Amino acid sequence: MRNNILGGMVIFFVVLACLLMIDDISSQKNEKTEVITSQVDDQKDQTDLAVIEEED
């Protein structure tokens, strides 16, 4: 009797997973995506490098 209950639960969850996958595959994809753009200011006067001036 106990094996029948466990087997029934396994079959139930497998069928539930299959139905959820079929629903996900067959649903229409009407999702709108929002494009986010960013702007980068290029400042040519500044550098991130350290400048060391040596006299010969």
PDB file of N, CA and C in Angstrom:
ATOM      1  N   MET A   1       0.828  -1.200   0.000  1.00  0.00           N
ATOM      2  CA  MET A   1       0.000   0.000   0.000  1.00  0.00           C
ATOM      3  C   MET A   1       0.869   1.259   0.000  1.00  0.00           C
ATOM      4  N   ARG A   2       1.956   1.224   0.767  1.00  0.00           N
ATOM      5  CA  ARG A   2       2.807   2.400   0.866  1.00  0.00           C
ATOM      6  C   ARG A   2       3.491   2.688  -0.466  1.00  0.00           C
ATOM      7  N   ASN A   3       3.909   1.663  -1.205  1.00  0.00           N
ATOM      8  CA  ASN A   3       4.536   1.864  -2.500  1.00  0.00           C
ATOM      9  C   ASN A   3       3.563   2.465  -3.498  1.00  0.00           C
ATOM     10  N   ASN A   4       2.303   2.144  -3.383  1.00  0.00           N
ATOM     11  CA  ASN A   4       1.303   2.708  -4.285  1.00  0.00           C
ATOM     12  C   ASN A   4       1.150   4.209  -4.072  1.00  0.00           C
ATOM     13  N   ILE A   5       1.212   4.655  -2.819  1.00  0.00           N
ATOM     14  CA  ILE A   5       1.078   6.088  -2.521  1.00  0.00           C
ATOM     15  C   ILE A   5       2.299   6.843  -3.045  1.00  0.00           C
ATOM     16  N   LEU A   6       3.489   6.305  -2.834  1.00  0.00           N
ATOM     17  CA  LEU A   6       4.698   6.969  -3.326  1.00  0.00           C
ATOM     18  C   LEU A   6       4.718   7.002  -4.850  1.00  0.00           C
ATOM     19  N   GLY A   7       4.328   5.914  -5.478  1.00  0.00           N
ATOM     20  CA  GLY A   7       4.271   5.873  -6.938  1.00  0.00           C
ATOM     21  C   GLY A   7       3.256   6.860  -7.481  1.00  0.00           C
ATOM     22  N   GLY A   8       2.135   6.974  -6.813  1.00  0.00           N
ATOM     23  CA  GLY A   8       1.107   7.928  -7.232  1.00  0.00           C
ATOM     24  C   GLY A   8       1.576   9.365  -7.103  1.00  0.00           C
ATOM     25  N   MET A   9       2.317   9.650  -6.039  1.00  0.00           N
ATOM     26  CA  MET A   9       2.844  11.013  -5.857  1.00  0.00           C
ATOM     27  C   MET A   9       3.884  11.337  -6.930  1.00  0.00           C
ATOM     28  N   VAL A  10       4.718  10.377  -7.265  1.00  0.00           N
ATOM     29  CA  VAL A  10       5.726  10.597  -8.302  1.00  0.00           C
ATOM     30  C   VAL A  10       5.045  10.861  -9.637  1.00  0.00           C
ATOM     31  N   ILE A  11       4.069  10.053  -9.983  1.00  0.00           N
ATOM     32  CA  ILE A  11       3.339  10.249 -11.244  1.00  0.00           C
ATOM     33  C   ILE A  11       2.631  11.595 -11.248  1.00  0.00           C
ATOM     34  N   PHE A  12       2.041  11.988 -10.116  1.00  0.00           N
ATOM     35  CA  PHE A  12       1.355  13.279 -10.031  1.00  0.00           C
ATOM     36  C   PHE A  12       2.314  14.429 -10.297  1.00  0.00           C
ATOM     37  N   PHE A  13       3.488  14.408  -9.673  1.00  0.00           N
ATOM     38  CA  PHE A  13       4.428  15.512  -9.861  1.00  0.00           C
ATOM     39  C   PHE A  13       5.035  15.518 -11.265  1.00  0.00           C
ATOM     40  N   VAL A  14       5.230  14.360 -11.855  1.00  0.00           N
ATOM     41  CA  VAL A  14       5.734  14.313 -13.225  1.00  0.00           C
ATOM     42  C   VAL A  14       4.710  14.879 -14.189  1.00  0.00           C
ATOM     43  N   VAL A  15       3.448  14.516 -14.016  1.00  0.00           N
ATOM     44  CA  VAL A  15       2.388  15.044 -14.880  1.00  0.00           C
ATOM     45  C   VAL A  15       2.246  16.544 -14.669  1.00  0.00           C
ATOM     46  N   LEU A  16       2.332  17.009 -13.440  1.00  0.00           N
ATOM     47  CA  LEU A  16       2.243  18.447 -13.156  1.00  0.00           C
ATOM     48  C   LEU A  16       3.388  19.210 -13.822  1.00  0.00           C
ATOM     49  N   ALA A  17       4.605  18.661 -13.761  1.00  0.00           N
ATOM     50  CA  ALA A  17       5.754  19.313 -14.398  1.00  0.00           C
ATOM     51  C   ALA A  17       5.578  19.356 -15.906  1.00  0.00           C
ATOM     52  N   CYS A  18       5.076  18.269 -16.491  1.00  0.00           N
ATOM     53  CA  CYS A  18       4.848  18.251 -17.947  1.00  0.00           C
ATOM     54  C   CYS A  18       3.798  19.271 -18.352  1.00  0.00           C
ATOM     55  N   LEU A  19       2.723  19.378 -17.597  1.00  0.00           N
ATOM     56  CA  LEU A  19       1.674  20.357 -17.921  1.00  0.00           C
ATOM     57  C   LEU A  19       2.195  21.788 -17.806  1.00  0.00           C
ATOM     58  N   LEU A  20       3.021  22.043 -16.802  1.00  0.00           N
ATOM     59  CA  LEU A  20       3.602  23.388 -16.662  1.00  0.00           C
ATOM     60  C   LEU A  20       4.542  23.706 -17.815  1.00  0.00           C
ATOM     61  N   MET A  21       5.316  22.723 -18.266  1.00  0.00           N
ATOM     62  CA  MET A  21       6.218  22.952 -19.405  1.00  0.00           C
ATOM     63  C   MET A  21       5.415  23.208 -20.677  1.00  0.00           C
ATOM     64  N   ILE A  22       4.346  22.445 -20.900  1.00  0.00           N
ATOM     65  CA  ILE A  22       3.513  22.653 -22.091  1.00  0.00           C
ATOM     66  C   ILE A  22       2.869  24.026 -22.052  1.00  0.00           C
ATOM     67  N   ASP A  23       2.405  24.455 -20.889  1.00  0.00           N
ATOM     68  CA  ASP A  23       1.794  25.779 -20.758  1.00  0.00           C
ATOM     69  C   ASP A  23       2.811  26.875 -21.031  1.00  0.00           C
ATOM     70  N   ASP A  24       4.028  26.699 -20.549  1.00  0.00           N
ATOM     71  CA  ASP A  24       5.070  27.701 -20.759  1.00  0.00           C
ATOM     72  C   ASP A  24       5.468  27.784 -22.226  1.00  0.00           C
ATOM     73  N   ILE A  25       5.554  26.647 -22.898  1.00  0.00           N
ATOM     74  CA  ILE A  25       5.944  26.638 -24.303  1.00  0.00           C
ATOM     75  C   ILE A  25       4.853  27.231 -25.188  1.00  0.00           C
ATOM     76  N   SER A  26       3.600  26.931 -24.878  1.00  0.00           N
ATOM     77  CA  SER A  26       2.507  27.357 -25.744  1.00  0.00           C
ATOM     78  C   SER A  26       2.036  28.787 -25.484  1.00  0.00           C
ATOM     79  N   SER A  27       2.485  29.412 -24.407  1.00  0.00           N
ATOM     80  CA  SER A  27       2.038  30.780 -24.118  1.00  0.00           C
ATOM     81  C   SER A  27       2.687  31.762 -25.083  1.00  0.00           C
ATOM     82  N   GLN A  28       1.945  32.814 -25.393  1.00  0.00           N
ATOM     83  CA  GLN A  28       2.443  33.819 -26.331  1.00  0.00           C
ATOM     84  C   GLN A  28       3.424  34.725 -25.614  1.00  0.00           C
ATOM     85  N   LYS A  29       4.419  35.157 -26.368  1.00  0.00           N
ATOM     86  CA  LYS A  29       5.453  36.039 -25.818  1.00  0.00           C
ATOM     87  C   LYS A  29       5.146  37.478 -26.218  1.00  0.00           C
ATOM     88  N   ASN A  30       4.283  38.134 -25.468  1.00  0.00           N
ATOM     89  CA  ASN A  30       3.917  39.524 -25.738  1.00  0.00           C
ATOM     90  C   ASN A  30       4.541  40.459 -24.715  1.00  0.00           C
ATOM     91  N   GLU A  31       5.723  40.133 -24.293  1.00  0.00           N
ATOM     92  CA  GLU A  31       6.386  40.955 -23.297  1.00  0.00           C
ATOM     93  C   GLU A  31       7.130  42.090 -23.984  1.00  0.00           C
ATOM     94  N   LYS A  32       6.964  43.277 -23.468  1.00  0.00           N
ATOM     95  CA  LYS A  32       7.683  44.433 -23.996  1.00  0.00           C
ATOM     96  C   LYS A  32       8.938  44.632 -23.163  1.00  0.00           C
ATOM     97  N   THR A  33      10.043  44.794 -23.854  1.00  0.00           N
ATOM     98  CA  THR A  33      11.295  45.034 -23.155  1.00  0.00           C
ATOM     99  C   THR A  33      11.644  46.511 -23.236  1.00  0.00           C
ATOM    100  N   GLU A  34      12.196  47.020 -22.190  1.00  0.00           N
ATOM    101  CA  GLU A  34      12.581  48.427 -22.124  1.00  0.00           C
ATOM    102  C   GLU A  34      14.087  48.519 -22.265  1.00  0.00           C
ATOM    103  N   VAL A  35      14.513  49.310 -23.236  1.00  0.00           N
ATOM    104  CA  VAL A  35      15.937  49.464 -23.494  1.00  0.00           C
ATOM    105  C   VAL A  35      16.442  50.647 -22.678  1.00  0.00           C
ATOM    106  N   ILE A  36      17.449  50.407 -21.879  1.00  0.00           N
ATOM    107  CA  ILE A  36      18.038  51.459 -21.053  1.00  0.00           C
ATOM    108  C   ILE A  36      19.390  51.826 -21.655  1.00  0.00           C
ATOM    109  N   THR A  37      19.539  53.093 -21.994  1.00  0.00           N
ATOM    110  CA  THR A  37      20.796  53.544 -22.567  1.00  0.00           C
ATOM    111  C   THR A  37      21.486  54.484 -21.582  1.00  0.00           C
ATOM    112  N   SER A  38      22.777  54.528 -21.663  1.00  0.00           N
ATOM    113  CA  SER A  38      23.540  55.424 -20.806  1.00  0.00           C
ATOM    114  C   SER A  38      24.516  56.209 -21.664  1.00  0.00           C
ATOM    115  N   GLN A  39      24.883  57.374 -21.171  1.00  0.00           N
ATOM    116  CA  GLN A  39      25.803  58.237 -21.893  1.00  0.00           C
ATOM    117  C   GLN A  39      27.076  58.377 -21.065  1.00  0.00           C
ATOM    118  N   VAL A  40      28.179  58.353 -21.770  1.00  0.00           N
ATOM    119  CA  VAL A  40      29.476  58.514 -21.121  1.00  0.00           C
ATOM    120  C   VAL A  40      30.113  59.781 -21.673  1.00  0.00           C
ATOM    121  N   ASP A  41      30.492  60.671 -20.780  1.00  0.00           N
ATOM    122  CA  ASP A  41      31.163  61.896 -21.193  1.00  0.00           C
ATOM    123  C   ASP A  41      32.654  61.621 -21.297  1.00  0.00           C
ATOM    124  N   ASP A  42      33.224  61.959 -22.442  1.00  0.00           N
ATOM    125  CA  ASP A  42      34.650  61.732 -22.671  1.00  0.00           C
ATOM    126  C   ASP A  42      35.379  63.053 -22.458  1.00  0.00           C
ATOM    127  N   GLN A  43      36.179  63.108 -21.417  1.00  0.00           N
ATOM    128  CA  GLN A  43      36.945  64.314 -21.124  1.00  0.00           C
ATOM    129  C   GLN A  43      38.394  64.043 -21.500  1.00  0.00           C
ATOM    130  N   LYS A  44      38.858  64.715 -22.543  1.00  0.00           N
ATOM    131  CA  LYS A  44      40.194  64.447 -23.054  1.00  0.00           C
ATOM    132  C   LYS A  44      41.288  65.167 -22.268  1.00  0.00           C
ATOM    133  N   ASP A  45      40.929  66.144 -21.464  1.00  0.00           N
ATOM    134  CA  ASP A  45      41.942  66.893 -20.725  1.00  0.00           C
ATOM    135  C   ASP A  45      42.463  66.123 -19.518  1.00  0.00           C
ATOM    136  N   GLN A  46      41.687  65.220 -18.987  1.00  0.00           N
ATOM    137  CA  GLN A  46      42.093  64.518 -17.776  1.00  0.00           C
ATOM    138  C   GLN A  46      42.612  63.137 -18.137  1.00  0.00           C
ATOM    139  N   THR A  47      43.657  62.736 -17.439  1.00  0.00           N
ATOM    140  CA  THR A  47      44.179  61.381 -17.605  1.00  0.00           C
ATOM    141  C   THR A  47      44.237  60.717 -16.237  1.00  0.00           C
ATOM    142  N   ASP A  48      44.185  59.425 -16.252  1.00  0.00           N
ATOM    143  CA  ASP A  48      44.267  58.673 -15.015  1.00  0.00           C
ATOM    144  C   ASP A  48      45.690  58.219 -14.721  1.00  0.00           C
ATOM    145  N   LEU A  49      46.616  58.560 -15.598  1.00  0.00           N
ATOM    146  CA  LEU A  49      47.991  58.133 -15.415  1.00  0.00           C
ATOM    147  C   LEU A  49      48.772  59.195 -14.647  1.00  0.00           C
ATOM    148  N   ALA A  50      49.717  58.744 -13.855  1.00  0.00           N
ATOM    149  CA  ALA A  50      50.593  59.662 -13.142  1.00  0.00           C
ATOM    150  C   ALA A  50      51.741  60.055 -14.080  1.00  0.00           C
ATOM    151  N   VAL A  51      52.001  61.338 -14.171  1.00  0.00           N
ATOM    152  CA  VAL A  51      53.060  61.834 -15.044  1.00  0.00           C
ATOM    153  C   VAL A  51      54.216  62.286 -14.174  1.00  0.00           C
ATOM    154  N   ILE A  52      55.392  61.723 -14.421  1.00  0.00           N
ATOM    155  CA  ILE A  52      56.594  62.074 -13.659  1.00  0.00           C
ATOM    156  C   ILE A  52      57.573  62.714 -14.632  1.00  0.00           C
ATOM    157  N   GLU A  53      57.953  63.943 -14.331  1.00  0.00           N
ATOM    158  CA  GLU A  53      58.883  64.641 -15.205  1.00  0.00           C
ATOM    159  C   GLU A  53      60.270  64.576 -14.568  1.00  0.00           C
ATOM    160  N   GLU A  54      61.232  64.111 -15.342  1.00  0.00           N
ATOM    161  CA  GLU A  54      62.600  64.015 -14.848  1.00  0.00           C
ATOM    162  C   GLU A  54      63.497  64.968 -15.643  1.00  0.00           C
ATOM    163  N   GLU A  55      64.440  65.565 -14.949  1.00  0.00           N
ATOM    164  CA  GLU A  55      65.407  66.420 -15.640  1.00  0.00           C
ATOM    165  C   GLU A  55      66.689  65.628 -15.852  1.00  0.00           C
ATOM    166  N   ASP A  56      67.244  65.682 -17.051  1.00  0.00           N
ATOM    167  CA  ASP A  56      68.472  64.956 -17.350  1.00  0.00           C
ATOM    168  C   ASP A  56      69.694  65.724 -16.946  1.00  0.00           C
TER     169      ASP A  56
END
